[in-house]
Each structure stands twice: as C-alpha cells, then as structure tokens.
Amino acid sequence: MDKKNRLRKNMEFRKVYKVRKNFWNRNLILYIRKNGTEETRIGVTITRKVGNAVVRNKLKRRIKELNNAYIADLKSGYDIVVIPKKNAVDLPFKDLKSALKHIYKLSGVWR
C-alpha cells in the first residue's frame, strides 16, 4: 500500500475515532470518516489484549495484505481504521478475508 493510502499519525486516527461512525461483525471493528480528498486511507490498530507482540504483528500484516488487495474496490474519499477483535487471531486467512469484505460492504464503502 502506498504512503498516501495509509493512516500513520496518532492525530489522523483520533480524527476518525472522533466521528464515531463505526461498524462491527464477529471479528472486526471498523471506523470510517469522510476525508474530503480523492484518496482512501486505511489504518490498522490492535490492542495489547490480543496476544503478544508477535501475534499482533502477524495479524496486522495479514490485514494490511488484504487491504492492499481491496483498496481498488473501495470508494474514494474515506479514512478507515480497522481494529481486529481477540478471536480474529485464530481465523484462517480465507475467513479473515471474508470478514473484512463483509464489514466493508456493511459500512457502505465497498463499490
């Protein structure tokens, strides 16, 4: 994913949380906010309650890889924060993929 498509700074994440437009399913939580630009930016954050650092980084890499595949299918002009829940650690890649696609469709950012 390009740098222009990533949320990187704490202030950017806080702006998305402040709007509080969120969606969830059994495995993921999604916060969205319109950013007023032509780019869709995505950030992934995981709490410390989800395993140790190795487990969290593995899950974060998997979600980022799926976002690379899905970035072309998302509507432009949104800031998105994806937060996996505890049970997302044990999901196979295929199930994580379908959970992420489901939550994007649920939120209305899927084309």
PDB file of N, CA and C in Angstrom:
ATOM      1  N   MET A   1       0.848  -1.174   0.000  1.00  0.00           N
ATOM      2  CA  MET A   1       0.000   0.000   0.000  1.00  0.00           C
ATOM      3  C   MET A   1       0.895   1.239   0.000  1.00  0.00           C
ATOM      4  N   ASP A   2       0.553   2.207  -0.812  1.00  0.00           N
ATOM      5  CA  ASP A   2       1.337   3.437  -0.891  1.00  0.00           C
ATOM      6  C   ASP A   2       1.207   4.247   0.390  1.00  0.00           C
ATOM      7  N   LYS A   3       2.160   5.140   0.603  1.00  0.00           N
ATOM      8  CA  LYS A   3       2.119   6.002   1.785  1.00  0.00           C
ATOM      9  C   LYS A   3       0.899   6.901   1.774  1.00  0.00           C
ATOM     10  N   LYS A   4       0.445   7.279   0.598  1.00  0.00           N
ATOM     11  CA  LYS A   4      -0.720   8.153   0.531  1.00  0.00           C
ATOM     12  C   LYS A   4      -2.006   7.433   0.928  1.00  0.00           C
ATOM     13  N   ASN A   5      -1.986   6.112   0.985  1.00  0.00           N
ATOM     14  CA  ASN A   5      -3.160   5.327   1.343  1.00  0.00           C
ATOM     15  C   ASN A   5      -3.106   4.798   2.774  1.00  0.00           C
ATOM     16  N   ARG A   6      -2.210   5.339   3.601  1.00  0.00           N
ATOM     17  CA  ARG A   6      -2.077   4.859   4.977  1.00  0.00           C
ATOM     18  C   ARG A   6      -2.366   5.967   5.979  1.00  0.00           C
ATOM     19  N   LEU A   7      -3.017   5.606   7.065  1.00  0.00           N
ATOM     20  CA  LEU A   7      -3.100   6.485   8.222  1.00  0.00           C
ATOM     21  C   LEU A   7      -1.879   6.167   9.069  1.00  0.00           C
ATOM     22  N   ARG A   8      -1.117   7.195   9.434  1.00  0.00           N
ATOM     23  CA  ARG A   8       0.130   6.926  10.132  1.00  0.00           C
ATOM     24  C   ARG A   8       0.250   7.656  11.459  1.00  0.00           C
ATOM     25  N   LYS A   9      -0.312   8.843  11.546  1.00  0.00           N
ATOM     26  CA  LYS A   9      -0.124   9.656  12.737  1.00  0.00           C
ATOM     27  C   LYS A   9      -1.281   9.473  13.720  1.00  0.00           C
ATOM     28  N   ASN A  10      -0.967   9.634  14.980  1.00  0.00           N
ATOM     29  CA  ASN A  10      -1.960   9.484  16.027  1.00  0.00           C
ATOM     30  C   ASN A  10      -3.114  10.465  15.832  1.00  0.00           C
ATOM     31  N   MET A  11      -2.807  11.669  15.392  1.00  0.00           N
ATOM     32  CA  MET A  11      -3.834  12.679  15.167  1.00  0.00           C
ATOM     33  C   MET A  11      -4.828  12.238  14.087  1.00  0.00           C
ATOM     34  N   GLU A  12      -4.349  11.560  13.057  1.00  0.00           N
ATOM     35  CA  GLU A  12      -5.223  11.070  11.994  1.00  0.00           C
ATOM     36  C   GLU A  12      -6.174  10.002  12.522  1.00  0.00           C
ATOM     37  N   PHE A  13      -5.663   9.109  13.363  1.00  0.00           N
ATOM     38  CA  PHE A  13      -6.508   8.089  13.967  1.00  0.00           C
ATOM     39  C   PHE A  13      -7.558   8.730  14.869  1.00  0.00           C
ATOM     40  N   ARG A  14      -7.162   9.722  15.643  1.00  0.00           N
ATOM     41  CA  ARG A  14      -8.092  10.380  16.560  1.00  0.00           C
ATOM     42  C   ARG A  14      -9.233  11.071  15.826  1.00  0.00           C
ATOM     43  N   LYS A  15      -8.947  11.659  14.671  1.00  0.00           N
ATOM     44  CA  LYS A  15      -9.991  12.303  13.884  1.00  0.00           C
ATOM     45  C   LYS A  15     -11.051  11.289  13.451  1.00  0.00           C
ATOM     46  N   VAL A  16     -10.611  10.104  13.093  1.00  0.00           N
ATOM     47  CA  VAL A  16     -11.551   9.064  12.672  1.00  0.00           C
ATOM     48  C   VAL A  16     -12.370   8.589  13.873  1.00  0.00           C
ATOM     49  N   TYR A  17     -11.736   8.405  15.028  1.00  0.00           N
ATOM     50  CA  TYR A  17     -12.450   7.967  16.221  1.00  0.00           C
ATOM     51  C   TYR A  17     -13.465   9.009  16.685  1.00  0.00           C
ATOM     52  N   LYS A  18     -13.135  10.275  16.478  1.00  0.00           N
ATOM     53  CA  LYS A  18     -13.983  11.361  16.957  1.00  0.00           C
ATOM     54  C   LYS A  18     -15.352  11.364  16.267  1.00  0.00           C
ATOM     55  N   VAL A  19     -15.390  10.992  14.994  1.00  0.00           N
ATOM     56  CA  VAL A  19     -16.634  10.960  14.245  1.00  0.00           C
ATOM     57  C   VAL A  19     -17.550   9.847  14.760  1.00  0.00           C
ATOM     58  N   ARG A  20     -16.971   8.769  15.226  1.00  0.00           N
ATOM     59  CA  ARG A  20     -17.682   7.657  15.855  1.00  0.00           C
ATOM     60  C   ARG A  20     -18.685   6.966  14.932  1.00  0.00           C
ATOM     61  N   LYS A  21     -18.408   6.916  13.660  1.00  0.00           N
ATOM     62  CA  LYS A  21     -19.234   6.133  12.753  1.00  0.00           C
ATOM     63  C   LYS A  21     -18.563   4.770  12.641  1.00  0.00           C
ATOM     64  N   ASN A  22     -19.116   3.800  13.352  1.00  0.00           N
ATOM     65  CA  ASN A  22     -18.444   2.511  13.406  1.00  0.00           C
ATOM     66  C   ASN A  22     -19.379   1.374  13.018  1.00  0.00           C
ATOM     67  N   PHE A  23     -18.760   0.316  12.569  1.00  0.00           N
ATOM     68  CA  PHE A  23     -19.456  -0.900  12.163  1.00  0.00           C
ATOM     69  C   PHE A  23     -18.663  -2.068  12.730  1.00  0.00           C
ATOM     70  N   TRP A  24     -19.324  -3.182  12.949  1.00  0.00           N
ATOM     71  CA  TRP A  24     -18.616  -4.323  13.515  1.00  0.00           C
ATOM     72  C   TRP A  24     -19.290  -5.617  13.070  1.00  0.00           C
ATOM     73  N   ASN A  25     -18.512  -6.666  13.121  1.00  0.00           N
ATOM     74  CA  ASN A  25     -19.016  -8.022  12.979  1.00  0.00           C
ATOM     75  C   ASN A  25     -18.317  -8.859  14.040  1.00  0.00           C
ATOM     76  N   ARG A  26     -18.370 -10.137  13.939  1.00  0.00           N
ATOM     77  CA  ARG A  26     -17.838 -11.009  14.977  1.00  0.00           C
ATOM     78  C   ARG A  26     -16.322 -10.871  15.153  1.00  0.00           C
ATOM     79  N   ASN A  27     -15.624 -10.474  14.102  1.00  0.00           N
ATOM     80  CA  ASN A  27     -14.165 -10.491  14.139  1.00  0.00           C
ATOM     81  C   ASN A  27     -13.487  -9.129  14.048  1.00  0.00           C
ATOM     82  N   LEU A  28     -14.187  -8.126  13.532  1.00  0.00           N
ATOM     83  CA  LEU A  28     -13.546  -6.836  13.269  1.00  0.00           C
ATOM     84  C   LEU A  28     -14.438  -5.670  13.681  1.00  0.00           C
ATOM     85  N   ILE A  29     -13.798  -4.545  13.964  1.00  0.00           N
ATOM     86  CA  ILE A  29     -14.477  -3.278  14.182  1.00  0.00           C
ATOM     87  C   ILE A  29     -13.924  -2.311  13.136  1.00  0.00           C
ATOM     88  N   LEU A  30     -14.794  -1.484  12.567  1.00  0.00           N
ATOM     89  CA  LEU A  30     -14.395  -0.572  11.516  1.00  0.00           C
ATOM     90  C   LEU A  30     -14.912   0.823  11.838  1.00  0.00           C
ATOM     91  N   TYR A  31     -14.021   1.800  11.825  1.00  0.00           N
ATOM     92  CA  TYR A  31     -14.385   3.210  11.978  1.00  0.00           C
ATOM     93  C   TYR A  31     -14.149   3.890  10.645  1.00  0.00           C
ATOM     94  N   ILE A  32     -15.104   4.709  10.202  1.00  0.00           N
ATOM     95  CA  ILE A  32     -14.923   5.414   8.935  1.00  0.00           C
ATOM     96  C   ILE A  32     -15.241   6.896   9.106  1.00  0.00           C
ATOM     97  N   ARG A  33     -14.645   7.681   8.228  1.00  0.00           N
ATOM     98  CA  ARG A  33     -14.846   9.126   8.226  1.00  0.00           C
ATOM     99  C   ARG A  33     -14.527   9.628   6.826  1.00  0.00           C
ATOM    100  N   LYS A  34     -15.332  10.530   6.304  1.00  0.00           N
ATOM    101  CA  LYS A  34     -15.020  11.149   5.022  1.00  0.00           C
ATOM    102  C   LYS A  34     -13.864  12.115   5.224  1.00  0.00           C
ATOM    103  N   ASN A  35     -12.895  12.083   4.310  1.00  0.00           N
ATOM    104  CA  ASN A  35     -11.721  12.941   4.479  1.00  0.00           C
ATOM    105  C   ASN A  35     -11.676  14.107   3.509  1.00  0.00           C
ATOM    106  N   GLY A  36     -12.588  14.191   2.553  1.00  0.00           N
ATOM    107  CA  GLY A  36     -12.635  15.324   1.644  1.00  0.00           C
ATOM    108  C   GLY A  36     -11.579  15.323   0.555  1.00  0.00           C
ATOM    109  N   THR A  37     -10.896  14.213   0.366  1.00  0.00           N
ATOM    110  CA  THR A  37      -9.898  14.105  -0.698  1.00  0.00           C
ATOM    111  C   THR A  37     -10.304  12.975  -1.639  1.00  0.00           C
ATOM    112  N   GLU A  38      -9.493  12.727  -2.623  1.00  0.00           N
ATOM    113  CA  GLU A  38      -9.751  11.646  -3.574  1.00  0.00           C
ATOM    114  C   GLU A  38      -9.129  10.319  -3.142  1.00  0.00           C
ATOM    115  N   GLU A  39      -8.380  10.338  -2.051  1.00  0.00           N
ATOM    116  CA  GLU A  39      -7.677   9.140  -1.600  1.00  0.00           C
ATOM    117  C   GLU A  39      -8.423   8.469  -0.452  1.00  0.00           C
ATOM    118  N   THR A  40      -8.410   7.151  -0.439  1.00  0.00           N
ATOM    119  CA  THR A  40      -8.889   6.387   0.699  1.00  0.00           C
ATOM    120  C   THR A  40      -7.677   5.964   1.497  1.00  0.00           C
ATOM    121  N   ARG A  41      -7.683   6.301   2.798  1.00  0.00           N
ATOM    122  CA  ARG A  41      -6.550   5.969   3.659  1.00  0.00           C
ATOM    123  C   ARG A  41      -7.018   4.973   4.712  1.00  0.00           C
ATOM    124  N   ILE A  42      -6.180   3.972   4.959  1.00  0.00           N
ATOM    125  CA  ILE A  42      -6.540   2.891   5.879  1.00  0.00           C
ATOM    126  C   ILE A  42      -5.464   2.752   6.943  1.00  0.00           C
ATOM    127  N   GLY A  43      -5.904   2.556   8.186  1.00  0.00           N
ATOM    128  CA  GLY A  43      -5.004   2.295   9.295  1.00  0.00           C
ATOM    129  C   GLY A  43      -5.473   1.068  10.060  1.00  0.00           C
ATOM    130  N   VAL A  44      -4.544   0.342  10.628  1.00  0.00           N
ATOM    131  CA  VAL A  44      -4.859  -0.849  11.419  1.00  0.00           C
ATOM    132  C   VAL A  44      -4.271  -0.661  12.797  1.00  0.00           C
ATOM    133  N   THR A  45      -5.077  -0.908  13.820  1.00  0.00           N
ATOM    134  CA  THR A  45      -4.596  -0.822  15.184  1.00  0.00           C
ATOM    135  C   THR A  45      -5.093  -2.031  15.965  1.00  0.00           C
ATOM    136  N   ILE A  46      -4.273  -2.496  16.895  1.00  0.00           N
ATOM    137  CA  ILE A  46      -4.612  -3.676  17.694  1.00  0.00           C
ATOM    138  C   ILE A  46      -4.278  -3.384  19.154  1.00  0.00           C
ATOM    139  N   THR A  47      -5.182  -3.749  20.052  1.00  0.00           N
ATOM    140  CA  THR A  47      -4.926  -3.536  21.477  1.00  0.00           C
ATOM    141  C   THR A  47      -3.978  -4.595  22.013  1.00  0.00           C
ATOM    142  N   ARG A  48      -3.378  -4.311  23.141  1.00  0.00           N
ATOM    143  CA  ARG A  48      -2.447  -5.258  23.757  1.00  0.00           C
ATOM    144  C   ARG A  48      -3.139  -6.487  24.321  1.00  0.00           C
ATOM    145  N   LYS A  49      -4.448  -6.443  24.417  1.00  0.00           N
ATOM    146  CA  LYS A  49      -5.199  -7.589  24.920  1.00  0.00           C
ATOM    147  C   LYS A  49      -5.191  -8.753  23.935  1.00  0.00           C
ATOM    148  N   VAL A  50      -4.800  -8.481  22.702  1.00  0.00           N
ATOM    149  CA  VAL A  50      -4.787  -9.503  21.656  1.00  0.00           C
ATOM    150  C   VAL A  50      -3.394 -10.100  21.557  1.00  0.00           C
ATOM    151  N   GLY A  51      -3.095 -11.071  22.359  1.00  0.00           N
ATOM    152  CA  GLY A  51      -1.837 -11.798  22.270  1.00  0.00           C
ATOM    153  C   GLY A  51      -0.597 -10.973  22.542  1.00  0.00           C
ATOM    154  N   ASN A  52       0.550 -11.584  22.266  1.00  0.00           N
ATOM    155  CA  ASN A  52       1.818 -10.875  22.453  1.00  0.00           C
ATOM    156  C   ASN A  52       2.189 -10.135  21.169  1.00  0.00           C
ATOM    157  N   ALA A  53       3.337  -9.508  21.142  1.00  0.00           N
ATOM    158  CA  ALA A  53       3.731  -8.663  20.015  1.00  0.00           C
ATOM    159  C   ALA A  53       3.824  -9.450  18.709  1.00  0.00           C
ATOM    160  N   VAL A  54       4.293 -10.682  18.781  1.00  0.00           N
ATOM    161  CA  VAL A  54       4.435 -11.493  17.573  1.00  0.00           C
ATOM    162  C   VAL A  54       3.061 -11.776  16.967  1.00  0.00           C
ATOM    163  N   VAL A  55       2.106 -12.120  17.803  1.00  0.00           N
ATOM    164  CA  VAL A  55       0.751 -12.423  17.349  1.00  0.00           C
ATOM    165  C   VAL A  55       0.094 -11.166  16.767  1.00  0.00           C
ATOM    166  N   ARG A  56       0.243 -10.041  17.440  1.00  0.00           N
ATOM    167  CA  ARG A  56      -0.355  -8.793  16.965  1.00  0.00           C
ATOM    168  C   ARG A  56       0.236  -8.362  15.631  1.00  0.00           C
ATOM    169  N   ASN A  57       1.547  -8.459  15.486  1.00  0.00           N
ATOM    170  CA  ASN A  57       2.186  -8.059  14.236  1.00  0.00           C
ATOM    171  C   ASN A  57       1.792  -8.970  13.074  1.00  0.00           C
ATOM    172  N   LYS A  58       1.650 -10.264  13.345  1.00  0.00           N
ATOM    173  CA  LYS A  58       1.231 -11.199  12.304  1.00  0.00           C
ATOM    174  C   LYS A  58      -0.174 -10.859  11.823  1.00  0.00           C
ATOM    175  N   LEU A  59      -1.077 -10.600  12.766  1.00  0.00           N
ATOM    176  CA  LEU A  59      -2.445 -10.252  12.412  1.00  0.00           C
ATOM    177  C   LEU A  59      -2.495  -8.923  11.654  1.00  0.00           C
ATOM    178  N   LYS A  60      -1.694  -7.977  12.074  1.00  0.00           N
ATOM    179  CA  LYS A  60      -1.646  -6.677  11.417  1.00  0.00           C
ATOM    180  C   LYS A  60      -1.135  -6.819   9.976  1.00  0.00           C
ATOM    181  N   ARG A  61      -0.117  -7.641   9.767  1.00  0.00           N
ATOM    182  CA  ARG A  61       0.407  -7.880   8.419  1.00  0.00           C
ATOM    183  C   ARG A  61      -0.642  -8.521   7.518  1.00  0.00           C
ATOM    184  N   ARG A  62      -1.404  -9.461   8.073  1.00  0.00           N
ATOM    185  CA  ARG A  62      -2.439 -10.139   7.295  1.00  0.00           C
ATOM    186  C   ARG A  62      -3.534  -9.156   6.866  1.00  0.00           C
ATOM    187  N   ILE A  63      -3.941  -8.293   7.779  1.00  0.00           N
ATOM    188  CA  ILE A  63      -4.985  -7.318   7.459  1.00  0.00           C
ATOM    189  C   ILE A  63      -4.474  -6.299   6.441  1.00  0.00           C
ATOM    190  N   LYS A  64      -3.226  -5.875   6.591  1.00  0.00           N
ATOM    191  CA  LYS A  64      -2.656  -4.936   5.622  1.00  0.00           C
ATOM    192  C   LYS A  64      -2.573  -5.559   4.229  1.00  0.00           C
ATOM    193  N   GLU A  65      -2.238  -6.833   4.158  1.00  0.00           N
ATOM    194  CA  GLU A  65      -2.165  -7.520   2.871  1.00  0.00           C
ATOM    195  C   GLU A  65      -3.544  -7.574   2.211  1.00  0.00           C
ATOM    196  N   LEU A  66      -4.574  -7.843   3.006  1.00  0.00           N
ATOM    197  CA  LEU A  66      -5.934  -7.852   2.458  1.00  0.00           C
ATOM    198  C   LEU A  66      -6.351  -6.461   2.000  1.00  0.00           C
ATOM    199  N   ASN A  67      -5.955  -5.442   2.742  1.00  0.00           N
ATOM    200  CA  ASN A  67      -6.285  -4.078   2.337  1.00  0.00           C
ATOM    201  C   ASN A  67      -5.601  -3.707   1.034  1.00  0.00           C
ATOM    202  N   ASN A  68      -4.405  -4.222   0.800  1.00  0.00           N
ATOM    203  CA  ASN A  68      -3.730  -3.987  -0.481  1.00  0.00           C
ATOM    204  C   ASN A  68      -4.565  -4.535  -1.634  1.00  0.00           C
ATOM    205  N   ALA A  69      -5.176  -5.694  -1.422  1.00  0.00           N
ATOM    206  CA  ALA A  69      -5.994  -6.307  -2.458  1.00  0.00           C
ATOM    207  C   ALA A  69      -7.319  -5.570  -2.640  1.00  0.00           C
ATOM    208  N   TYR A  70      -7.853  -5.020  -1.558  1.00  0.00           N
ATOM    209  CA  TYR A  70      -9.183  -4.415  -1.594  1.00  0.00           C
ATOM    210  C   TYR A  70      -9.189  -2.914  -1.847  1.00  0.00           C
ATOM    211  N   ILE A  71      -8.061  -2.236  -1.839  1.00  0.00           N
ATOM    212  CA  ILE A  71      -8.036  -0.779  -1.931  1.00  0.00           C
ATOM    213  C   ILE A  71      -8.673  -0.290  -3.233  1.00  0.00           C
ATOM    214  N   ALA A  72      -8.556  -1.046  -4.303  1.00  0.00           N
ATOM    215  CA  ALA A  72      -9.149  -0.640  -5.584  1.00  0.00           C
ATOM    216  C   ALA A  72     -10.665  -0.792  -5.576  1.00  0.00           C
ATOM    217  N   ASP A  73     -11.203  -1.646  -4.709  1.00  0.00           N
ATOM    218  CA  ASP A  73     -12.642  -1.901  -4.652  1.00  0.00           C
ATOM    219  C   ASP A  73     -13.370  -0.986  -3.679  1.00  0.00           C
ATOM    220  N   LEU A  74     -12.649  -0.115  -2.989  1.00  0.00           N
ATOM    221  CA  LEU A  74     -13.271   0.778  -2.013  1.00  0.00           C
ATOM    222  C   LEU A  74     -13.557   2.133  -2.637  1.00  0.00           C
ATOM    223  N   LYS A  75     -14.609   2.785  -2.154  1.00  0.00           N
ATOM    224  CA  LYS A  75     -14.931   4.133  -2.613  1.00  0.00           C
ATOM    225  C   LYS A  75     -13.830   5.078  -2.167  1.00  0.00           C
ATOM    226  N   SER A  76     -13.599   6.118  -2.937  1.00  0.00           N
ATOM    227  CA  SER A  76     -12.542   7.055  -2.589  1.00  0.00           C
ATOM    228  C   SER A  76     -13.074   8.135  -1.658  1.00  0.00           C
ATOM    229  N   GLY A  77     -12.160   8.725  -0.893  1.00  0.00           N
ATOM    230  CA  GLY A  77     -12.518   9.838  -0.025  1.00  0.00           C
ATOM    231  C   GLY A  77     -12.840   9.462   1.402  1.00  0.00           C
ATOM    232  N   TYR A  78     -12.325   8.340   1.882  1.00  0.00           N
ATOM    233  CA  TYR A  78     -12.609   7.902   3.248  1.00  0.00           C
ATOM    234  C   TYR A  78     -11.318   7.645   4.019  1.00  0.00           C
ATOM    235  N   ASP A  79     -11.373   7.894   5.326  1.00  0.00           N
ATOM    236  CA  ASP A  79     -10.362   7.423   6.262  1.00  0.00           C
ATOM    237  C   ASP A  79     -10.973   6.247   6.998  1.00  0.00           C
ATOM    238  N   ILE A  80     -10.259   5.139   7.048  1.00  0.00           N
ATOM    239  CA  ILE A  80     -10.786   3.901   7.624  1.00  0.00           C
ATOM    240  C   ILE A  80      -9.788   3.380   8.649  1.00  0.00           C
ATOM    241  N   VAL A  81     -10.308   2.985   9.822  1.00  0.00           N
ATOM    242  CA  VAL A  81      -9.483   2.329  10.839  1.00  0.00           C
ATOM    243  C   VAL A  81     -10.081   0.952  11.082  1.00  0.00           C
ATOM    244  N   VAL A  82      -9.254  -0.081  10.965  1.00  0.00           N
ATOM    245  CA  VAL A  82      -9.671  -1.467  11.184  1.00  0.00           C
ATOM    246  C   VAL A  82      -9.077  -1.938  12.504  1.00  0.00           C
ATOM    247  N   ILE A  83      -9.943  -2.473  13.378  1.00  0.00           N
ATOM    248  CA  ILE A  83      -9.497  -2.998  14.662  1.00  0.00           C
ATOM    249  C   ILE A  83      -9.966  -4.449  14.775  1.00  0.00           C
ATOM    250  N   PRO A  84      -9.040  -5.408  14.790  1.00  0.00           N
ATOM    251  CA  PRO A  84      -9.442  -6.801  14.955  1.00  0.00           C
ATOM    252  C   PRO A  84      -9.774  -7.125  16.409  1.00  0.00           C
ATOM    253  N   LYS A  85     -10.720  -8.030  16.590  1.00  0.00           N
ATOM    254  CA  LYS A  85     -11.067  -8.494  17.931  1.00  0.00           C
ATOM    255  C   LYS A  85     -10.189  -9.695  18.287  1.00  0.00           C
ATOM    256  N   LYS A  86     -10.306 -10.156  19.529  1.00  0.00           N
ATOM    257  CA  LYS A  86      -9.457 -11.249  20.012  1.00  0.00           C
ATOM    258  C   LYS A  86      -9.594 -12.518  19.180  1.00  0.00           C
ATOM    259  N   ASN A  87     -10.810 -12.852  18.777  1.00  0.00           N
ATOM    260  CA  ASN A  87     -10.995 -14.116  18.059  1.00  0.00           C
ATOM    261  C   ASN A  87     -10.487 -14.065  16.617  1.00  0.00           C
ATOM    262  N   ALA A  88     -10.077 -12.906  16.125  1.00  0.00           N
ATOM    263  CA  ALA A  88      -9.528 -12.809  14.773  1.00  0.00           C
ATOM    264  C   ALA A  88      -8.141 -13.444  14.673  1.00  0.00           C
ATOM    265  N   VAL A  89      -7.490 -13.655  15.810  1.00  0.00           N
ATOM    266  CA  VAL A  89      -6.153 -14.252  15.816  1.00  0.00           C
ATOM    267  C   VAL A  89      -6.193 -15.679  15.286  1.00  0.00           C
ATOM    268  N   ASP A  90      -7.234 -16.423  15.623  1.00  0.00           N
ATOM    269  CA  ASP A  90      -7.321 -17.834  15.255  1.00  0.00           C
ATOM    270  C   ASP A  90      -7.946 -18.080  13.889  1.00  0.00           C
ATOM    271  N   LEU A  91      -8.341 -17.023  13.197  1.00  0.00           N
ATOM    272  CA  LEU A  91      -9.012 -17.196  11.910  1.00  0.00           C
ATOM    273  C   LEU A  91      -8.034 -17.590  10.812  1.00  0.00           C
ATOM    274  N   PRO A  92      -8.452 -18.519   9.957  1.00  0.00           N
ATOM    275  CA  PRO A  92      -7.662 -18.760   8.746  1.00  0.00           C
ATOM    276  C   PRO A  92      -7.739 -17.534   7.831  1.00  0.00           C
ATOM    277  N   PHE A  93      -6.791 -17.425   6.932  1.00  0.00           N
ATOM    278  CA  PHE A  93      -6.703 -16.261   6.055  1.00  0.00           C
ATOM    279  C   PHE A  93      -7.977 -16.071   5.241  1.00  0.00           C
ATOM    280  N   LYS A  94      -8.560 -17.166   4.781  1.00  0.00           N
ATOM    281  CA  LYS A  94      -9.773 -17.109   3.975  1.00  0.00           C
ATOM    282  C   LYS A  94     -10.936 -16.497   4.758  1.00  0.00           C
ATOM    283  N   ASP A  95     -11.084 -16.882   6.015  1.00  0.00           N
ATOM    284  CA  ASP A  95     -12.165 -16.351   6.843  1.00  0.00           C
ATOM    285  C   ASP A  95     -11.936 -14.886   7.200  1.00  0.00           C
ATOM    286  N   LEU A  96     -10.684 -14.521   7.419  1.00  0.00           N
ATOM    287  CA  LEU A  96     -10.361 -13.120   7.692  1.00  0.00           C
ATOM    288  C   LEU A  96     -10.673 -12.258   6.467  1.00  0.00           C
ATOM    289  N   LYS A  97     -10.402 -12.805   5.305  1.00  0.00           N
ATOM    290  CA  LYS A  97     -10.689 -12.102   4.051  1.00  0.00           C
ATOM    291  C   LYS A  97     -12.183 -11.857   3.899  1.00  0.00           C
ATOM    292  N   SER A  98     -12.987 -12.873   4.163  1.00  0.00           N
ATOM    293  CA  SER A  98     -14.436 -12.708   4.024  1.00  0.00           C
ATOM    294  C   SER A  98     -15.000 -11.789   5.106  1.00  0.00           C
ATOM    295  N   ALA A  99     -14.424 -11.802   6.313  1.00  0.00           N
ATOM    296  CA  ALA A  99     -14.879 -10.914   7.384  1.00  0.00           C
ATOM    297  C   ALA A  99     -14.593  -9.455   7.037  1.00  0.00           C
ATOM    298  N   LEU A 100     -13.423  -9.190   6.468  1.00  0.00           N
ATOM    299  CA  LEU A 100     -13.068  -7.829   6.087  1.00  0.00           C
ATOM    300  C   LEU A 100     -13.949  -7.340   4.942  1.00  0.00           C
ATOM    301  N   LYS A 101     -14.195  -8.199   3.964  1.00  0.00           N
ATOM    302  CA  LYS A 101     -15.060  -7.828   2.843  1.00  0.00           C
ATOM    303  C   LYS A 101     -16.483  -7.572   3.344  1.00  0.00           C
ATOM    304  N   HIS A 102     -16.959  -8.398   4.261  1.00  0.00           N
ATOM    305  CA  HIS A 102     -18.303  -8.224   4.825  1.00  0.00           C
ATOM    306  C   HIS A 102     -18.446  -6.890   5.540  1.00  0.00           C
ATOM    307  N   ILE A 103     -17.458  -6.516   6.332  1.00  0.00           N
ATOM    308  CA  ILE A 103     -17.561  -5.273   7.086  1.00  0.00           C
ATOM    309  C   ILE A 103     -17.431  -4.050   6.168  1.00  0.00           C
ATOM    310  N   TYR A 104     -16.673  -4.159   5.093  1.00  0.00           N
ATOM    311  CA  TYR A 104     -16.610  -3.069   4.119  1.00  0.00           C
ATOM    312  C   TYR A 104     -17.969  -2.894   3.431  1.00  0.00           C
ATOM    313  N   LYS A 105     -18.604  -3.994   3.073  1.00  0.00           N
ATOM    314  CA  LYS A 105     -19.924  -3.911   2.451  1.00  0.00           C
ATOM    315  C   LYS A 105     -20.950  -3.372   3.436  1.00  0.00           C
ATOM    316  N   LEU A 106     -20.864  -3.786   4.680  1.00  0.00           N
ATOM    317  CA  LEU A 106     -21.787  -3.329   5.717  1.00  0.00           C
ATOM    318  C   LEU A 106     -21.684  -1.817   5.930  1.00  0.00           C
ATOM    319  N   SER A 107     -20.480  -1.289   5.852  1.00  0.00           N
ATOM    320  CA  SER A 107     -20.274   0.143   6.096  1.00  0.00           C
ATOM    321  C   SER A 107     -20.631   0.995   4.874  1.00  0.00           C
ATOM    322  N   GLY A 108     -20.710   0.407   3.704  1.00  0.00           N
ATOM    323  CA  GLY A 108     -21.068   1.157   2.509  1.00  0.00           C
ATOM    324  C   GLY A 108     -19.895   1.751   1.762  1.00  0.00           C
ATOM    325  N   VAL A 109     -18.669   1.383   2.106  1.00  0.00           N
ATOM    326  CA  VAL A 109     -17.504   1.901   1.381  1.00  0.00           C
ATOM    327  C   VAL A 109     -17.089   0.974   0.242  1.00  0.00           C
ATOM    328  N   TRP A 110     -17.709  -0.177   0.125  1.00  0.00           N
ATOM    329  CA  TRP A 110     -17.423  -1.110  -0.972  1.00  0.00           C
ATOM    330  C   TRP A 110     -18.160  -0.634  -2.214  1.00  0.00           C
ATOM    331  N   ARG A 111     -17.492  -0.657  -3.369  1.00  0.00           N
ATOM    332  CA  ARG A 111     -18.137  -0.225  -4.621  1.00  0.00           C
ATOM    333  C   ARG A 111     -19.109  -1.266  -5.118  1.00  0.00           C
TER     334      ARG A 111
END
